[in-house]
Amino acid sequence: MSLEAIEKVTQVERETQERRAAAEAEARQIVSDAERDGLALLQRTRADAAEEGKNLLRQAEEKAAAHAAETGRAAEAAAADLRKTAERHLEEAAEFIVGRVVKH
């Protein structure tokens, strides 16, 4: 083999090693970038999920407060009706009691 052919083979082997080293470095960089991007996405997803959970909880609390207020209004109305009914029957009850006491 001539010296020129040996130099050519050596040069090709060196270029191949350089390309291989560059490809391995690029592959490591791609993996590193993917891990970094994956972690960032995971953090964003967790933050979004936490925010969505807070929103759902806030909405549930608002609905519960509205339901409680409506129940309170209904209870007050029912109590007012019972008071009116009791007031109407109060005079009758007093007359009944007085009648029973006077007769006995």
C-alpha atoms as a PDB file:
ATOM      1  CA  MET A   1       0.000   0.000   0.000  1.00  0.00           C
ATOM      2  CA  SER A   2       1.336   3.408  -0.863  1.00  0.00           C
ATOM      3  CA  LEU A   3       1.932   6.104   1.680  1.00  0.00           C
ATOM      4  CA  GLU A   4      -0.724   8.222   0.050  1.00  0.00           C
ATOM      5  CA  ALA A   5      -3.314   5.433   0.415  1.00  0.00           C
ATOM      6  CA  ILE A   6      -2.357   4.932   4.083  1.00  0.00           C
ATOM      7  CA  GLU A   7      -2.736   8.668   4.737  1.00  0.00           C
ATOM      8  CA  LYS A   8      -6.100   8.640   2.936  1.00  0.00           C
ATOM      9  CA  VAL A   9      -7.328   5.666   5.039  1.00  0.00           C
ATOM     10  CA  THR A  10      -6.056   7.341   8.220  1.00  0.00           C
ATOM     11  CA  GLN A  11      -7.796  10.599   7.287  1.00  0.00           C
ATOM     12  CA  VAL A  12     -11.070   8.788   6.523  1.00  0.00           C
ATOM     13  CA  GLU A  13     -10.849   6.900   9.850  1.00  0.00           C
ATOM     14  CA  ARG A  14     -10.209  10.177  11.717  1.00  0.00           C
ATOM     15  CA  GLU A  15     -13.135  11.886   9.954  1.00  0.00           C
ATOM     16  CA  THR A  16     -15.324   8.900  10.749  1.00  0.00           C
ATOM     17  CA  GLN A  17     -14.356   9.061  14.436  1.00  0.00           C
ATOM     18  CA  GLU A  18     -14.972  12.819  14.466  1.00  0.00           C
ATOM     19  CA  ARG A  19     -18.382  12.368  12.833  1.00  0.00           C
ATOM     20  CA  ARG A  20     -19.178   9.571  15.254  1.00  0.00           C
ATOM     21  CA  ALA A  21     -18.121  11.705  18.238  1.00  0.00           C
ATOM     22  CA  ALA A  22     -20.172  14.615  16.890  1.00  0.00           C
ATOM     23  CA  ALA A  23     -23.179  12.334  16.367  1.00  0.00           C
ATOM     24  CA  GLU A  24     -22.850  10.968  19.912  1.00  0.00           C
ATOM     25  CA  ALA A  25     -22.575  14.492  21.314  1.00  0.00           C
ATOM     26  CA  GLU A  26     -25.618  15.558  19.322  1.00  0.00           C
ATOM     27  CA  ALA A  27     -27.521  12.486  20.542  1.00  0.00           C
ATOM     28  CA  ARG A  28     -26.617  13.305  24.157  1.00  0.00           C
ATOM     29  CA  GLN A  29     -27.754  16.895  23.578  1.00  0.00           C
ATOM     30  CA  ILE A  30     -31.039  15.704  22.060  1.00  0.00           C
ATOM     31  CA  VAL A  31     -31.647  13.421  25.059  1.00  0.00           C
ATOM     32  CA  SER A  32     -30.751  16.230  27.448  1.00  0.00           C
ATOM     33  CA  ASP A  33     -33.067  18.672  25.655  1.00  0.00           C
ATOM     34  CA  ALA A  34     -35.863  16.104  25.631  1.00  0.00           C
ATOM     35  CA  GLU A  35     -35.479  15.480  29.365  1.00  0.00           C
ATOM     36  CA  ARG A  36     -35.439  19.212  30.067  1.00  0.00           C
ATOM     37  CA  ASP A  37     -38.487  19.810  27.857  1.00  0.00           C
ATOM     38  CA  GLY A  38     -40.265  16.826  29.410  1.00  0.00           C
ATOM     39  CA  LEU A  39     -39.665  18.109  32.932  1.00  0.00           C
ATOM     40  CA  ALA A  40     -40.826  21.581  31.937  1.00  0.00           C
ATOM     41  CA  LEU A  41     -43.980  20.119  30.407  1.00  0.00           C
ATOM     42  CA  LEU A  42     -44.570  18.030  33.515  1.00  0.00           C
ATOM     43  CA  GLN A  43     -44.234  21.102  35.736  1.00  0.00           C
ATOM     44  CA  ARG A  44     -46.584  23.119  33.515  1.00  0.00           C
ATOM     45  CA  THR A  45     -49.089  20.262  33.510  1.00  0.00           C
ATOM     46  CA  ARG A  46     -48.951  19.975  37.290  1.00  0.00           C
ATOM     47  CA  ALA A  47     -49.343  23.747  37.679  1.00  0.00           C
ATOM     48  CA  ASP A  48     -52.268  23.763  35.239  1.00  0.00           C
ATOM     49  CA  ALA A  49     -53.885  20.841  37.067  1.00  0.00           C
ATOM     50  CA  ALA A  50     -53.461  22.603  40.410  1.00  0.00           C
ATOM     51  CA  GLU A  51     -54.993  25.773  38.976  1.00  0.00           C
ATOM     52  CA  GLU A  52     -57.877  23.814  37.470  1.00  0.00           C
ATOM     53  CA  GLY A  53     -58.410  22.129  40.832  1.00  0.00           C
ATOM     54  CA  LYS A  54     -58.559  25.517  42.531  1.00  0.00           C
ATOM     55  CA  ASN A  55     -61.047  26.754  39.937  1.00  0.00           C
ATOM     56  CA  LEU A  56     -63.252  23.684  40.374  1.00  0.00           C
ATOM     57  CA  LEU A  57     -63.131  24.059  44.155  1.00  0.00           C
ATOM     58  CA  ARG A  58     -64.017  27.764  43.890  1.00  0.00           C
ATOM     59  CA  GLN A  59     -66.945  26.962  41.600  1.00  0.00           C
ATOM     60  CA  ALA A  60     -68.154  24.236  43.956  1.00  0.00           C
ATOM     61  CA  GLU A  61     -67.932  26.626  46.923  1.00  0.00           C
ATOM     62  CA  GLU A  62     -69.879  29.277  44.999  1.00  0.00           C
ATOM     63  CA  LYS A  63     -72.588  26.753  44.097  1.00  0.00           C
ATOM     64  CA  ALA A  64     -72.721  25.525  47.692  1.00  0.00           C
ATOM     65  CA  ALA A  65     -73.008  29.092  48.984  1.00  0.00           C
ATOM     66  CA  ALA A  66     -75.815  29.848  46.505  1.00  0.00           C
ATOM     67  CA  HIS A  67     -77.607  26.640  47.477  1.00  0.00           C
ATOM     68  CA  ALA A  68     -77.184  27.424  51.176  1.00  0.00           C
ATOM     69  CA  ALA A  69     -78.558  30.933  50.637  1.00  0.00           C
ATOM     70  CA  GLU A  70     -81.556  29.556  48.739  1.00  0.00           C
ATOM     71  CA  THR A  71     -82.167  26.959  51.447  1.00  0.00           C
ATOM     72  CA  GLY A  72     -81.923  29.703  54.074  1.00  0.00           C
ATOM     73  CA  ARG A  73     -84.461  31.851  52.224  1.00  0.00           C
ATOM     74  CA  ALA A  74     -86.811  28.884  51.885  1.00  0.00           C
ATOM     75  CA  ALA A  75     -86.456  28.087  55.597  1.00  0.00           C
ATOM     76  CA  GLU A  76     -87.153  31.706  56.534  1.00  0.00           C
ATOM     77  CA  ALA A  77     -90.259  31.728  54.332  1.00  0.00           C
ATOM     78  CA  ALA A  78     -91.485  28.475  55.866  1.00  0.00           C
ATOM     79  CA  ALA A  79     -90.839  29.836  59.366  1.00  0.00           C
ATOM     80  CA  ALA A  80     -92.761  33.028  58.535  1.00  0.00           C
ATOM     81  CA  ASP A  81     -95.690  30.950  57.283  1.00  0.00           C
ATOM     82  CA  LEU A  82     -95.657  28.873  60.458  1.00  0.00           C
ATOM     83  CA  ARG A  83     -95.581  32.046  62.590  1.00  0.00           C
ATOM     84  CA  LYS A  84     -98.562  33.477  60.696  1.00  0.00           C
ATOM     85  CA  THR A  85    -100.460  30.221  61.135  1.00  0.00           C
ATOM     86  CA  ALA A  86     -99.595  30.115  64.829  1.00  0.00           C
ATOM     87  CA  GLU A  87    -100.647  33.739  65.289  1.00  0.00           C
ATOM     88  CA  ARG A  88    -104.002  33.023  63.657  1.00  0.00           C
ATOM     89  CA  HIS A  89    -104.570  30.095  65.987  1.00  0.00           C
ATOM     90  CA  LEU A  90    -103.241  31.879  69.073  1.00  0.00           C
ATOM     91  CA  GLU A  91    -106.492  33.665  69.760  1.00  0.00           C
ATOM     92  CA  GLU A  92    -108.492  30.461  69.268  1.00  0.00           C
ATOM     93  CA  ALA A  93    -106.159  28.590  71.618  1.00  0.00           C
ATOM     94  CA  ALA A  94    -106.446  31.315  74.257  1.00  0.00           C
ATOM     95  CA  GLU A  95    -110.244  31.214  74.047  1.00  0.00           C
ATOM     96  CA  PHE A  96    -110.188  27.426  74.288  1.00  0.00           C
ATOM     97  CA  ILE A  97    -107.962  27.509  77.372  1.00  0.00           C
ATOM     98  CA  VAL A  98    -110.034  30.213  79.050  1.00  0.00           C
ATOM     99  CA  GLY A  99    -113.191  28.286  78.234  1.00  0.00           C
ATOM    100  CA  ARG A 100    -111.794  25.117  79.773  1.00  0.00           C
ATOM    101  CA  VAL A 101    -110.617  26.909  82.899  1.00  0.00           C
ATOM    102  CA  VAL A 102    -113.874  28.760  83.399  1.00  0.00           C
ATOM    103  CA  LYS A 103    -115.998  25.643  82.858  1.00  0.00           C
ATOM    104  CA  HIS A 104    -114.012  23.582  85.378  1.00  0.00           C
END
